[in-house]
């Protein structure tokens, strides 16, 4: 049986990537992630979280975009790769995520403790 970190890595490899519109952060709002994913991200202060939440942003969103792009949570990686989380600017990968993998990711979300990023 895989650990949650192994499961996250498994899913990361199966979520297609694509190039976002430069400067866009329309999908960088408040989201939840598993405790394991959060452990991979830098710790933010309560004030940084409060400011981000008040602006409906992510505390890891900086002036130049996502500051944790390489370690961004699964939910962030899903945006734009599935009709369920379509990019508001119409960007997408050439091939969308396999619906079976997407369903397994959603099952993972339900089976793990999720916290506000």
PDB file of N, CA and C in Angstrom:
ATOM      1  N   UNK A   1       0.845  -1.187   0.000  1.00  0.00           N
ATOM      2  CA  UNK A   1       0.000   0.000   0.000  1.00  0.00           C
ATOM      3  C   UNK A   1       0.885   1.244   0.000  1.00  0.00           C
ATOM      4  N   UNK A   2       0.528   2.222  -0.840  1.00  0.00           N
ATOM      5  CA  UNK A   2       1.326   3.440  -0.950  1.00  0.00           C
ATOM      6  C   UNK A   2       1.023   4.397   0.200  1.00  0.00           C
ATOM      7  N   UNK A   3       2.036   5.141   0.607  1.00  0.00           N
ATOM      8  CA  UNK A   3       1.819   6.215   1.578  1.00  0.00           C
ATOM      9  C   UNK A   3       1.128   7.363   0.849  1.00  0.00           C
ATOM     10  N   UNK A   4       0.618   8.329   1.608  1.00  0.00           N
ATOM     11  CA  UNK A   4      -0.026   9.482   0.977  1.00  0.00           C
ATOM     12  C   UNK A   4       0.955  10.263   0.104  1.00  0.00           C
ATOM     13  N   UNK A   5       2.200  10.390   0.546  1.00  0.00           N
ATOM     14  CA  UNK A   5       3.204  11.101  -0.259  1.00  0.00           C
ATOM     15  C   UNK A   5       3.437  10.357  -1.572  1.00  0.00           C
ATOM     16  N   UNK A   6       3.519   9.041  -1.523  1.00  0.00           N
ATOM     17  CA  UNK A   6       3.691   8.257  -2.751  1.00  0.00           C
ATOM     18  C   UNK A   6       2.467   8.411  -3.663  1.00  0.00           C
ATOM     19  N   UNK A   7       1.296   8.437  -3.069  1.00  0.00           N
ATOM     20  CA  UNK A   7       0.065   8.614  -3.837  1.00  0.00           C
ATOM     21  C   UNK A   7       0.056   9.980  -4.508  1.00  0.00           C
ATOM     22  N   UNK A   8       0.453  11.008  -3.786  1.00  0.00           N
ATOM     23  CA  UNK A   8       0.521  12.359  -4.345  1.00  0.00           C
ATOM     24  C   UNK A   8       1.486  12.384  -5.526  1.00  0.00           C
ATOM     25  N   UNK A   9       2.647  11.778  -5.367  1.00  0.00           N
ATOM     26  CA  UNK A   9       3.630  11.739  -6.452  1.00  0.00           C
ATOM     27  C   UNK A   9       3.096  10.958  -7.659  1.00  0.00           C
ATOM     28  N   UNK A  10       2.390   9.861  -7.395  1.00  0.00           N
ATOM     29  CA  UNK A  10       1.760   9.079  -8.459  1.00  0.00           C
ATOM     30  C   UNK A  10       0.798   9.959  -9.253  1.00  0.00           C
ATOM     31  N   UNK A  11      -0.069  10.692  -8.549  1.00  0.00           N
ATOM     32  CA  UNK A  11      -1.043  11.547  -9.224  1.00  0.00           C
ATOM     33  C   UNK A  11      -0.370  12.690  -9.969  1.00  0.00           C
ATOM     34  N   UNK A  12       0.645  13.297  -9.369  1.00  0.00           N
ATOM     35  CA  UNK A  12       1.340  14.411 -10.023  1.00  0.00           C
ATOM     36  C   UNK A  12       1.840  14.016 -11.405  1.00  0.00           C
ATOM     37  N   UNK A  13       2.351  12.797 -11.523  1.00  0.00           N
ATOM     38  CA  UNK A  13       2.884  12.333 -12.801  1.00  0.00           C
ATOM     39  C   UNK A  13       1.786  12.118 -13.840  1.00  0.00           C
ATOM     40  N   UNK A  14       0.560  12.026 -13.404  1.00  0.00           N
ATOM     41  CA  UNK A  14      -0.541  11.714 -14.310  1.00  0.00           C
ATOM     42  C   UNK A  14      -1.450  12.903 -14.600  1.00  0.00           C
ATOM     43  N   UNK A  15      -1.137  14.058 -14.023  1.00  0.00           N
ATOM     44  CA  UNK A  15      -1.898  15.266 -14.328  1.00  0.00           C
ATOM     45  C   UNK A  15      -1.161  15.997 -15.448  1.00  0.00           C
ATOM     46  N   UNK A  16      -1.815  16.180 -16.586  1.00  0.00           N
ATOM     47  CA  UNK A  16      -1.127  16.848 -17.694  1.00  0.00           C
ATOM     48  C   UNK A  16      -0.805  18.303 -17.362  1.00  0.00           C
ATOM     49  N   UNK A  17       0.250  18.795 -17.968  1.00  0.00           N
ATOM     50  CA  UNK A  17       0.616  20.193 -17.737  1.00  0.00           C
ATOM     51  C   UNK A  17       0.346  21.005 -18.991  1.00  0.00           C
ATOM     52  N   UNK A  18       0.296  22.312 -18.815  1.00  0.00           N
ATOM     53  CA  UNK A  18       0.092  23.231 -19.931  1.00  0.00           C
ATOM     54  C   UNK A  18       0.602  24.601 -19.496  1.00  0.00           C
ATOM     55  N   UNK A  19       0.727  25.485 -20.452  1.00  0.00           N
ATOM     56  CA  UNK A  19       1.239  26.823 -20.155  1.00  0.00           C
ATOM     57  C   UNK A  19       0.065  27.757 -19.868  1.00  0.00           C
ATOM     58  N   UNK A  20       0.142  28.408 -18.723  1.00  0.00           N
ATOM     59  CA  UNK A  20      -0.891  29.368 -18.332  1.00  0.00           C
ATOM     60  C   UNK A  20      -0.681  30.697 -19.046  1.00  0.00           C
ATOM     61  N   UNK A  21      -1.704  31.522 -19.042  1.00  0.00           N
ATOM     62  CA  UNK A  21      -1.604  32.880 -19.550  1.00  0.00           C
ATOM     63  C   UNK A  21      -0.644  33.633 -18.626  1.00  0.00           C
ATOM     64  N   UNK A  22       0.403  34.240 -19.163  1.00  0.00           N
ATOM     65  CA  UNK A  22       1.363  34.959 -18.305  1.00  0.00           C
ATOM     66  C   UNK A  22       0.663  35.996 -17.423  1.00  0.00           C
ATOM     67  N   UNK A  23       1.016  35.972 -16.154  1.00  0.00           N
ATOM     68  CA  UNK A  23       0.452  36.918 -15.194  1.00  0.00           C
ATOM     69  C   UNK A  23      -0.892  36.530 -14.621  1.00  0.00           C
ATOM     70  N   UNK A  24      -1.501  35.488 -15.149  1.00  0.00           N
ATOM     71  CA  UNK A  24      -2.813  35.066 -14.659  1.00  0.00           C
ATOM     72  C   UNK A  24      -2.676  34.320 -13.342  1.00  0.00           C
ATOM     73  N   UNK A  25      -3.612  34.551 -12.469  1.00  0.00           N
ATOM     74  CA  UNK A  25      -3.708  33.769 -11.246  1.00  0.00           C
ATOM     75  C   UNK A  25      -5.172  33.599 -10.865  1.00  0.00           C
ATOM     76  N   UNK A  26      -6.019  33.461 -11.900  1.00  0.00           N
ATOM     77  CA  UNK A  26      -7.458  33.330 -11.686  1.00  0.00           C
ATOM     78  C   UNK A  26      -7.836  32.088 -10.882  1.00  0.00           C
ATOM     79  N   UNK A  27      -7.007  31.055 -10.929  1.00  0.00           N
ATOM     80  CA  UNK A  27      -7.338  29.827 -10.198  1.00  0.00           C
ATOM     81  C   UNK A  27      -6.589  29.741  -8.866  1.00  0.00           C
ATOM     82  N   UNK A  28      -5.930  30.823  -8.470  1.00  0.00           N
ATOM     83  CA  UNK A  28      -5.106  30.812  -7.249  1.00  0.00           C
ATOM     84  C   UNK A  28      -5.868  31.348  -6.047  1.00  0.00           C
ATOM     85  N   UNK A  29      -7.097  30.951  -5.914  1.00  0.00           N
ATOM     86  CA  UNK A  29      -7.894  31.383  -4.779  1.00  0.00           C
ATOM     87  C   UNK A  29      -7.709  30.458  -3.606  1.00  0.00           C
ATOM     88  N   UNK A  30      -8.458  30.671  -2.553  1.00  0.00           N
ATOM     89  CA  UNK A  30      -8.360  29.761  -1.411  1.00  0.00           C
ATOM     90  C   UNK A  30      -8.736  28.343  -1.823  1.00  0.00           C
ATOM     91  N   UNK A  31      -7.867  27.415  -1.520  1.00  0.00           N
ATOM     92  CA  UNK A  31      -8.103  26.003  -1.803  1.00  0.00           C
ATOM     93  C   UNK A  31      -7.679  25.192  -0.586  1.00  0.00           C
ATOM     94  N   UNK A  32      -8.046  23.933  -0.598  1.00  0.00           N
ATOM     95  CA  UNK A  32      -7.595  23.034   0.451  1.00  0.00           C
ATOM     96  C   UNK A  32      -6.621  22.036  -0.142  1.00  0.00           C
ATOM     97  N   UNK A  33      -5.774  21.498   0.727  1.00  0.00           N
ATOM     98  CA  UNK A  33      -4.794  20.491   0.329  1.00  0.00           C
ATOM     99  C   UNK A  33      -4.611  19.531   1.497  1.00  0.00           C
ATOM    100  N   UNK A  34      -4.065  18.387   1.206  1.00  0.00           N
ATOM    101  CA  UNK A  34      -3.822  17.412   2.268  1.00  0.00           C
ATOM    102  C   UNK A  34      -2.711  17.911   3.195  1.00  0.00           C
ATOM    103  N   UNK A  35      -2.712  17.396   4.389  1.00  0.00           N
ATOM    104  CA  UNK A  35      -1.676  17.751   5.361  1.00  0.00           C
ATOM    105  C   UNK A  35      -0.293  17.425   4.809  1.00  0.00           C
ATOM    106  N   UNK A  36      -0.190  16.320   4.085  1.00  0.00           N
ATOM    107  CA  UNK A  36       1.097  15.931   3.502  1.00  0.00           C
ATOM    108  C   UNK A  36       1.569  16.941   2.462  1.00  0.00           C
ATOM    109  N   UNK A  37       0.642  17.420   1.639  1.00  0.00           N
ATOM    110  CA  UNK A  37       1.019  18.436   0.651  1.00  0.00           C
ATOM    111  C   UNK A  37       1.434  19.720   1.346  1.00  0.00           C
ATOM    112  N   UNK A  38       0.722  20.081   2.393  1.00  0.00           N
ATOM    113  CA  UNK A  38       1.056  21.299   3.138  1.00  0.00           C
ATOM    114  C   UNK A  38       2.433  21.202   3.775  1.00  0.00           C
ATOM    115  N   UNK A  39       2.835  19.998   4.171  1.00  0.00           N
ATOM    116  CA  UNK A  39       4.144  19.833   4.802  1.00  0.00           C
ATOM    117  C   UNK A  39       5.285  20.101   3.818  1.00  0.00           C
ATOM    118  N   UNK A  40       4.993  20.097   2.518  1.00  0.00           N
ATOM    119  CA  UNK A  40       5.998  20.360   1.492  1.00  0.00           C
ATOM    120  C   UNK A  40       6.130  21.856   1.183  1.00  0.00           C
ATOM    121  N   UNK A  41       5.200  22.658   1.700  1.00  0.00           N
ATOM    122  CA  UNK A  41       5.171  24.089   1.404  1.00  0.00           C
ATOM    123  C   UNK A  41       5.760  24.900   2.552  1.00  0.00           C
ATOM    124  N   UNK A  42       6.310  26.084   2.248  1.00  0.00           N
ATOM    125  CA  UNK A  42       6.798  26.949   3.323  1.00  0.00           C
ATOM    126  C   UNK A  42       5.648  27.365   4.238  1.00  0.00           C
ATOM    127  N   UNK A  43       5.938  27.504   5.507  1.00  0.00           N
ATOM    128  CA  UNK A  43       4.921  27.923   6.480  1.00  0.00           C
ATOM    129  C   UNK A  43       4.681  29.420   6.331  1.00  0.00           C
ATOM    130  N   UNK A  44       3.433  29.801   6.289  1.00  0.00           N
ATOM    131  CA  UNK A  44       3.040  31.205   6.208  1.00  0.00           C
ATOM    132  C   UNK A  44       2.472  31.637   7.550  1.00  0.00           C
ATOM    133  N   UNK A  45       2.586  32.909   7.851  1.00  0.00           N
ATOM    134  CA  UNK A  45       2.073  33.430   9.115  1.00  0.00           C
ATOM    135  C   UNK A  45       0.552  33.522   9.059  1.00  0.00           C
ATOM    136  N   UNK A  46      -0.057  33.652  10.221  1.00  0.00           N
ATOM    137  CA  UNK A  46      -1.509  33.821  10.286  1.00  0.00           C
ATOM    138  C   UNK A  46      -1.911  35.095   9.542  1.00  0.00           C
ATOM    139  N   UNK A  47      -1.097  36.140   9.660  1.00  0.00           N
ATOM    140  CA  UNK A  47      -1.393  37.395   8.967  1.00  0.00           C
ATOM    141  C   UNK A  47      -1.358  37.204   7.448  1.00  0.00           C
ATOM    142  N   UNK A  48      -0.365  36.469   6.944  1.00  0.00           N
ATOM    143  CA  UNK A  48      -0.284  36.203   5.507  1.00  0.00           C
ATOM    144  C   UNK A  48      -1.504  35.420   5.033  1.00  0.00           C
ATOM    145  N   UNK A  49      -1.947  34.460   5.837  1.00  0.00           N
ATOM    146  CA  UNK A  49      -3.148  33.696   5.496  1.00  0.00           C
ATOM    147  C   UNK A  49      -4.381  34.602   5.507  1.00  0.00           C
ATOM    148  N   UNK A  50      -4.495  35.454   6.523  1.00  0.00           N
ATOM    149  CA  UNK A  50      -5.648  36.344   6.624  1.00  0.00           C
ATOM    150  C   UNK A  50      -5.734  37.299   5.436  1.00  0.00           C
ATOM    151  N   UNK A  51      -4.599  37.889   5.047  1.00  0.00           N
ATOM    152  CA  UNK A  51      -4.569  38.810   3.911  1.00  0.00           C
ATOM    153  C   UNK A  51      -4.961  38.074   2.631  1.00  0.00           C
ATOM    154  N   UNK A  52      -4.389  36.896   2.418  1.00  0.00           N
ATOM    155  CA  UNK A  52      -4.706  36.122   1.220  1.00  0.00           C
ATOM    156  C   UNK A  52      -6.194  35.766   1.181  1.00  0.00           C
ATOM    157  N   UNK A  53      -6.729  35.319   2.299  1.00  0.00           N
ATOM    158  CA  UNK A  53      -8.140  34.939   2.343  1.00  0.00           C
ATOM    159  C   UNK A  53      -9.042  36.145   2.095  1.00  0.00           C
ATOM    160  N   UNK A  54      -8.680  37.287   2.663  1.00  0.00           N
ATOM    161  CA  UNK A  54      -9.472  38.512   2.449  1.00  0.00           C
ATOM    162  C   UNK A  54      -9.486  38.909   0.971  1.00  0.00           C
ATOM    163  N   UNK A  55      -8.403  38.602   0.262  1.00  0.00           N
ATOM    164  CA  UNK A  55      -8.309  38.917  -1.166  1.00  0.00           C
ATOM    165  C   UNK A  55      -8.729  37.750  -2.059  1.00  0.00           C
ATOM    166  N   UNK A  56      -9.203  36.673  -1.445  1.00  0.00           N
ATOM    167  CA  UNK A  56      -9.563  35.442  -2.156  1.00  0.00           C
ATOM    168  C   UNK A  56      -8.388  34.931  -2.982  1.00  0.00           C
ATOM    169  N   UNK A  57      -7.194  35.020  -2.410  1.00  0.00           N
ATOM    170  CA  UNK A  57      -5.963  34.559  -3.034  1.00  0.00           C
ATOM    171  C   UNK A  57      -5.353  33.441  -2.213  1.00  0.00           C
ATOM    172  N   UNK A  58      -4.257  32.931  -2.716  1.00  0.00           N
ATOM    173  CA  UNK A  58      -3.463  31.922  -2.016  1.00  0.00           C
ATOM    174  C   UNK A  58      -2.305  32.635  -1.328  1.00  0.00           C
ATOM    175  N   UNK A  59      -1.939  32.244  -0.121  1.00  0.00           N
ATOM    176  CA  UNK A  59      -0.816  32.891   0.549  1.00  0.00           C
ATOM    177  C   UNK A  59       0.528  32.641  -0.141  1.00  0.00           C
ATOM    178  N   UNK A  60       0.565  31.705  -1.064  1.00  0.00           N
ATOM    179  CA  UNK A  60       1.806  31.414  -1.786  1.00  0.00           C
ATOM    180  C   UNK A  60       1.864  32.117  -3.147  1.00  0.00           C
ATOM    181  N   UNK A  61       0.922  33.017  -3.376  1.00  0.00           N
ATOM    182  CA  UNK A  61       0.895  33.788  -4.608  1.00  0.00           C
ATOM    183  C   UNK A  61       1.709  35.060  -4.397  1.00  0.00           C
ATOM    184  N   UNK A  62       2.765  35.213  -5.169  1.00  0.00           N
ATOM    185  CA  UNK A  62       3.623  36.390  -5.070  1.00  0.00           C
ATOM    186  C   UNK A  62       3.445  37.305  -6.263  1.00  0.00           C
ATOM    187  N   UNK A  63       4.253  38.337  -6.337  1.00  0.00           N
ATOM    188  CA  UNK A  63       4.157  39.300  -7.438  1.00  0.00           C
ATOM    189  C   UNK A  63       4.421  38.649  -8.791  1.00  0.00           C
ATOM    190  N   UNK A  64       5.231  37.614  -8.808  1.00  0.00           N
ATOM    191  CA  UNK A  64       5.562  36.936 -10.061  1.00  0.00           C
ATOM    192  C   UNK A  64       4.809  35.625 -10.241  1.00  0.00           C
ATOM    193  N   UNK A  65       3.734  35.444  -9.496  1.00  0.00           N
ATOM    194  CA  UNK A  65       2.938  34.234  -9.609  1.00  0.00           C
ATOM    195  C   UNK A  65       3.155  33.288  -8.446  1.00  0.00           C
ATOM    196  N   UNK A  66       2.929  32.007  -8.699  1.00  0.00           N
ATOM    197  CA  UNK A  66       3.019  30.986  -7.659  1.00  0.00           C
ATOM    198  C   UNK A  66       4.460  30.823  -7.187  1.00  0.00           C
ATOM    199  N   UNK A  67       4.662  30.987  -5.898  1.00  0.00           N
ATOM    200  CA  UNK A  67       5.995  30.874  -5.319  1.00  0.00           C
ATOM    201  C   UNK A  67       6.355  29.426  -4.973  1.00  0.00           C
ATOM    202  N   UNK A  68       5.390  28.523  -5.091  1.00  0.00           N
ATOM    203  CA  UNK A  68       5.620  27.109  -4.759  1.00  0.00           C
ATOM    204  C   UNK A  68       5.207  26.209  -5.922  1.00  0.00           C
ATOM    205  N   UNK A  69       5.364  26.699  -7.132  1.00  0.00           N
ATOM    206  CA  UNK A  69       4.852  26.021  -8.318  1.00  0.00           C
ATOM    207  C   UNK A  69       5.275  24.556  -8.392  1.00  0.00           C
ATOM    208  N   UNK A  70       6.542  24.266  -8.113  1.00  0.00           N
ATOM    209  CA  UNK A  70       7.028  22.881  -8.221  1.00  0.00           C
ATOM    210  C   UNK A  70       6.372  21.960  -7.196  1.00  0.00           C
ATOM    211  N   UNK A  71       5.943  22.513  -6.074  1.00  0.00           N
ATOM    212  CA  UNK A  71       5.322  21.709  -5.012  1.00  0.00           C
ATOM    213  C   UNK A  71       3.840  22.020  -4.830  1.00  0.00           C
ATOM    214  N   UNK A  72       3.242  22.714  -5.786  1.00  0.00           N
ATOM    215  CA  UNK A  72       1.834  23.106  -5.626  1.00  0.00           C
ATOM    216  C   UNK A  72       0.959  21.875  -5.421  1.00  0.00           C
ATOM    217  N   UNK A  73      -0.111  22.040  -4.657  1.00  0.00           N
ATOM    218  CA  UNK A  73      -1.006  20.913  -4.354  1.00  0.00           C
ATOM    219  C   UNK A  73      -1.707  20.350  -5.591  1.00  0.00           C
ATOM    220  N   UNK A  74      -2.229  19.158  -5.429  1.00  0.00           N
ATOM    221  CA  UNK A  74      -2.930  18.478  -6.518  1.00  0.00           C
ATOM    222  C   UNK A  74      -4.078  19.319  -7.066  1.00  0.00           C
ATOM    223  N   UNK A  75      -4.838  19.957  -6.194  1.00  0.00           N
ATOM    224  CA  UNK A  75      -5.985  20.740  -6.663  1.00  0.00           C
ATOM    225  C   UNK A  75      -5.529  21.849  -7.603  1.00  0.00           C
ATOM    226  N   UNK A  76      -4.382  22.452  -7.310  1.00  0.00           N
ATOM    227  CA  UNK A  76      -3.839  23.505  -8.167  1.00  0.00           C
ATOM    228  C   UNK A  76      -3.426  22.934  -9.521  1.00  0.00           C
ATOM    229  N   UNK A  77      -2.877  21.731  -9.494  1.00  0.00           N
ATOM    230  CA  UNK A  77      -2.438  21.080 -10.730  1.00  0.00           C
ATOM    231  C   UNK A  77      -3.627  20.673 -11.598  1.00  0.00           C
ATOM    232  N   UNK A  78      -4.779  20.397 -10.969  1.00  0.00           N
ATOM    233  CA  UNK A  78      -5.968  19.977 -11.721  1.00  0.00           C
ATOM    234  C   UNK A  78      -6.601  21.113 -12.512  1.00  0.00           C
ATOM    235  N   UNK A  79      -6.480  22.351 -12.018  1.00  0.00           N
ATOM    236  CA  UNK A  79      -7.128  23.469 -12.708  1.00  0.00           C
ATOM    237  C   UNK A  79      -6.690  23.517 -14.162  1.00  0.00           C
ATOM    238  N   UNK A  80      -7.668  23.568 -15.054  1.00  0.00           N
ATOM    239  CA  UNK A  80      -7.403  23.656 -16.480  1.00  0.00           C
ATOM    240  C   UNK A  80      -7.208  22.325 -17.172  1.00  0.00           C
ATOM    241  N   UNK A  81      -7.129  21.229 -16.403  1.00  0.00           N
ATOM    242  CA  UNK A  81      -6.894  19.923 -17.016  1.00  0.00           C
ATOM    243  C   UNK A  81      -8.156  19.074 -17.108  1.00  0.00           C
ATOM    244  N   UNK A  82      -9.268  19.612 -16.618  1.00  0.00           N
ATOM    245  CA  UNK A  82     -10.524  18.889 -16.602  1.00  0.00           C
ATOM    246  C   UNK A  82     -11.675  19.873 -16.799  1.00  0.00           C
ATOM    247  N   UNK A  83     -12.737  19.470 -17.477  1.00  0.00           N
ATOM    248  CA  UNK A  83     -13.894  20.360 -17.626  1.00  0.00           C
ATOM    249  C   UNK A  83     -14.488  20.766 -16.270  1.00  0.00           C
ATOM    250  N   UNK A  84     -14.301  19.938 -15.244  1.00  0.00           N
ATOM    251  CA  UNK A  84     -14.830  20.258 -13.904  1.00  0.00           C
ATOM    252  C   UNK A  84     -14.133  21.464 -13.293  1.00  0.00           C
ATOM    253  N   UNK A  85     -12.888  21.725 -13.705  1.00  0.00           N
ATOM    254  CA  UNK A  85     -12.115  22.862 -13.206  1.00  0.00           C
ATOM    255  C   UNK A  85     -11.469  23.574 -14.387  1.00  0.00           C
ATOM    256  N   UNK A  86     -12.300  24.056 -15.283  1.00  0.00           N
ATOM    257  CA  UNK A  86     -11.818  24.662 -16.520  1.00  0.00           C
ATOM    258  C   UNK A  86     -11.103  25.987 -16.264  1.00  0.00           C
ATOM    259  N   UNK A  87     -10.100  26.249 -17.065  1.00  0.00           N
ATOM    260  CA  UNK A  87      -9.389  27.526 -17.019  1.00  0.00           C
ATOM    261  C   UNK A  87     -10.337  28.613 -17.519  1.00  0.00           C
ATOM    262  N   UNK A  88     -10.489  29.717 -16.773  1.00  0.00           N
ATOM    263  CA  UNK A  88     -11.397  30.782 -17.235  1.00  0.00           C
ATOM    264  C   UNK A  88     -10.896  31.487 -18.490  1.00  0.00           C
ATOM    265  N   UNK A  89      -9.631  31.282 -18.835  1.00  0.00           N
ATOM    266  CA  UNK A  89      -9.064  31.888 -20.043  1.00  0.00           C
ATOM    267  C   UNK A  89      -8.988  30.905 -21.207  1.00  0.00           C
ATOM    268  N   UNK A  90      -9.519  29.707 -21.019  1.00  0.00           N
ATOM    269  CA  UNK A  90      -9.573  28.725 -22.093  1.00  0.00           C
ATOM    270  C   UNK A  90      -8.279  27.967 -22.343  1.00  0.00           C
ATOM    271  N   UNK A  91      -7.285  28.114 -21.458  1.00  0.00           N
ATOM    272  CA  UNK A  91      -6.041  27.364 -21.644  1.00  0.00           C
ATOM    273  C   UNK A  91      -6.248  25.936 -21.152  1.00  0.00           C
ATOM    274  N   UNK A  92      -5.545  25.006 -21.761  1.00  0.00           N
ATOM    275  CA  UNK A  92      -5.684  23.606 -21.399  1.00  0.00           C
ATOM    276  C   UNK A  92      -4.552  22.811 -22.034  1.00  0.00           C
ATOM    277  N   UNK A  93      -4.307  21.616 -21.524  1.00  0.00           N
ATOM    278  CA  UNK A  93      -3.307  20.760 -22.180  1.00  0.00           C
ATOM    279  C   UNK A  93      -3.889  20.192 -23.466  1.00  0.00           C
ATOM    280  N   UNK A  94      -3.020  19.654 -24.310  1.00  0.00           N
ATOM    281  CA  UNK A  94      -3.487  19.014 -25.549  1.00  0.00           C
ATOM    282  C   UNK A  94      -4.428  17.856 -25.245  1.00  0.00           C
ATOM    283  N   UNK A  95      -4.090  17.088 -24.202  1.00  0.00           N
ATOM    284  CA  UNK A  95      -4.923  15.959 -23.772  1.00  0.00           C
ATOM    285  C   UNK A  95      -5.309  16.198 -22.322  1.00  0.00           C
ATOM    286  N   UNK A  96      -6.606  16.209 -22.064  1.00  0.00           N
ATOM    287  CA  UNK A  96      -7.094  16.436 -20.711  1.00  0.00           C
ATOM    288  C   UNK A  96      -6.778  15.216 -19.827  1.00  0.00           C
ATOM    289  N   UNK A  97      -6.932  15.397 -18.522  1.00  0.00           N
ATOM    290  CA  UNK A  97      -6.644  14.324 -17.581  1.00  0.00           C
ATOM    291  C   UNK A  97      -7.566  13.133 -17.833  1.00  0.00           C
ATOM    292  N   UNK A  98      -7.034  11.953 -17.637  1.00  0.00           N
ATOM    293  CA  UNK A  98      -7.825  10.729 -17.734  1.00  0.00           C
ATOM    294  C   UNK A  98      -8.910  10.802 -16.653  1.00  0.00           C
ATOM    295  N   UNK A  99     -10.178  10.681 -17.029  1.00  0.00           N
ATOM    296  CA  UNK A  99     -11.260  10.785 -16.041  1.00  0.00           C
ATOM    297  C   UNK A  99     -11.139   9.793 -14.886  1.00  0.00           C
ATOM    298  N   UNK A 100     -10.544   8.630 -15.136  1.00  0.00           N
ATOM    299  CA  UNK A 100     -10.369   7.647 -14.061  1.00  0.00           C
ATOM    300  C   UNK A 100      -9.357   8.143 -13.031  1.00  0.00           C
ATOM    301  N   UNK A 101      -8.291   8.794 -13.505  1.00  0.00           N
ATOM    302  CA  UNK A 101      -7.296   9.359 -12.590  1.00  0.00           C
ATOM    303  C   UNK A 101      -7.918  10.521 -11.818  1.00  0.00           C
ATOM    304  N   UNK A 102      -8.668  11.357 -12.518  1.00  0.00           N
ATOM    305  CA  UNK A 102      -9.336  12.481 -11.841  1.00  0.00           C
ATOM    306  C   UNK A 102     -10.252  11.973 -10.731  1.00  0.00           C
ATOM    307  N   UNK A 103     -11.002  10.936 -11.004  1.00  0.00           N
ATOM    308  CA  UNK A 103     -11.903  10.383  -9.988  1.00  0.00           C
ATOM    309  C   UNK A 103     -11.113   9.854  -8.796  1.00  0.00           C
ATOM    310  N   UNK A 104      -9.996   9.196  -9.053  1.00  0.00           N
ATOM    311  CA  UNK A 104      -9.160   8.692  -7.952  1.00  0.00           C
ATOM    312  C   UNK A 104      -8.584   9.839  -7.128  1.00  0.00           C
ATOM    313  N   UNK A 105      -8.255  10.954  -7.777  1.00  0.00           N
ATOM    314  CA  UNK A 105      -7.767  12.125  -7.047  1.00  0.00           C
ATOM    315  C   UNK A 105      -8.861  12.671  -6.144  1.00  0.00           C
ATOM    316  N   UNK A 106     -10.071  12.755  -6.654  1.00  0.00           N
ATOM    317  CA  UNK A 106     -11.188  13.245  -5.833  1.00  0.00           C
ATOM    318  C   UNK A 106     -11.469  12.287  -4.666  1.00  0.00           C
ATOM    319  N   UNK A 107     -11.311  10.999  -4.888  1.00  0.00           N
ATOM    320  CA  UNK A 107     -11.459  10.029  -3.798  1.00  0.00           C
ATOM    321  C   UNK A 107     -10.358  10.241  -2.753  1.00  0.00           C
ATOM    322  N   UNK A 108      -9.138  10.544  -3.219  1.00  0.00           N
ATOM    323  CA  UNK A 108      -8.031  10.841  -2.305  1.00  0.00           C
ATOM    324  C   UNK A 108      -8.373  12.069  -1.462  1.00  0.00           C
ATOM    325  N   UNK A 109      -8.939  13.098  -2.094  1.00  0.00           N
ATOM    326  CA  UNK A 109      -9.341  14.294  -1.343  1.00  0.00           C
ATOM    327  C   UNK A 109     -10.316  13.934  -0.230  1.00  0.00           C
ATOM    328  N   UNK A 110     -11.272  13.081  -0.543  1.00  0.00           N
ATOM    329  CA  UNK A 110     -12.285  12.696   0.456  1.00  0.00           C
ATOM    330  C   UNK A 110     -11.712  11.823   1.567  1.00  0.00           C
ATOM    331  N   UNK A 111     -10.669  11.076   1.246  1.00  0.00           N
ATOM    332  CA  UNK A 111     -10.109  10.117   2.208  1.00  0.00           C
ATOM    333  C   UNK A 111      -8.997  10.702   3.084  1.00  0.00           C
ATOM    334  N   UNK A 112      -8.556  11.912   2.762  1.00  0.00           N
ATOM    335  CA  UNK A 112      -7.451  12.511   3.528  1.00  0.00           C
ATOM    336  C   UNK A 112      -7.908  13.801   4.197  1.00  0.00           C
ATOM    337  N   UNK A 113      -7.207  14.128   5.243  1.00  0.00           N
ATOM    338  CA  UNK A 113      -7.483  15.386   5.957  1.00  0.00           C
ATOM    339  C   UNK A 113      -7.072  16.541   5.056  1.00  0.00           C
ATOM    340  N   UNK A 114      -8.003  17.414   4.768  1.00  0.00           N
ATOM    341  CA  UNK A 114      -7.747  18.584   3.927  1.00  0.00           C
ATOM    342  C   UNK A 114      -7.746  19.843   4.801  1.00  0.00           C
ATOM    343  N   UNK A 115      -6.775  20.715   4.541  1.00  0.00           N
ATOM    344  CA  UNK A 115      -6.667  21.967   5.293  1.00  0.00           C
ATOM    345  C   UNK A 115      -6.580  23.124   4.319  1.00  0.00           C
ATOM    346  N   UNK A 116      -6.938  24.311   4.772  1.00  0.00           N
ATOM    347  CA  UNK A 116      -6.874  25.500   3.946  1.00  0.00           C
ATOM    348  C   UNK A 116      -5.426  25.854   3.680  1.00  0.00           C
ATOM    349  N   UNK A 117      -5.081  26.064   2.409  1.00  0.00           N
ATOM    350  CA  UNK A 117      -3.704  26.418   2.051  1.00  0.00           C
ATOM    351  C   UNK A 117      -3.411  27.818   2.561  1.00  0.00           C
TER     352      UNK A 117
END
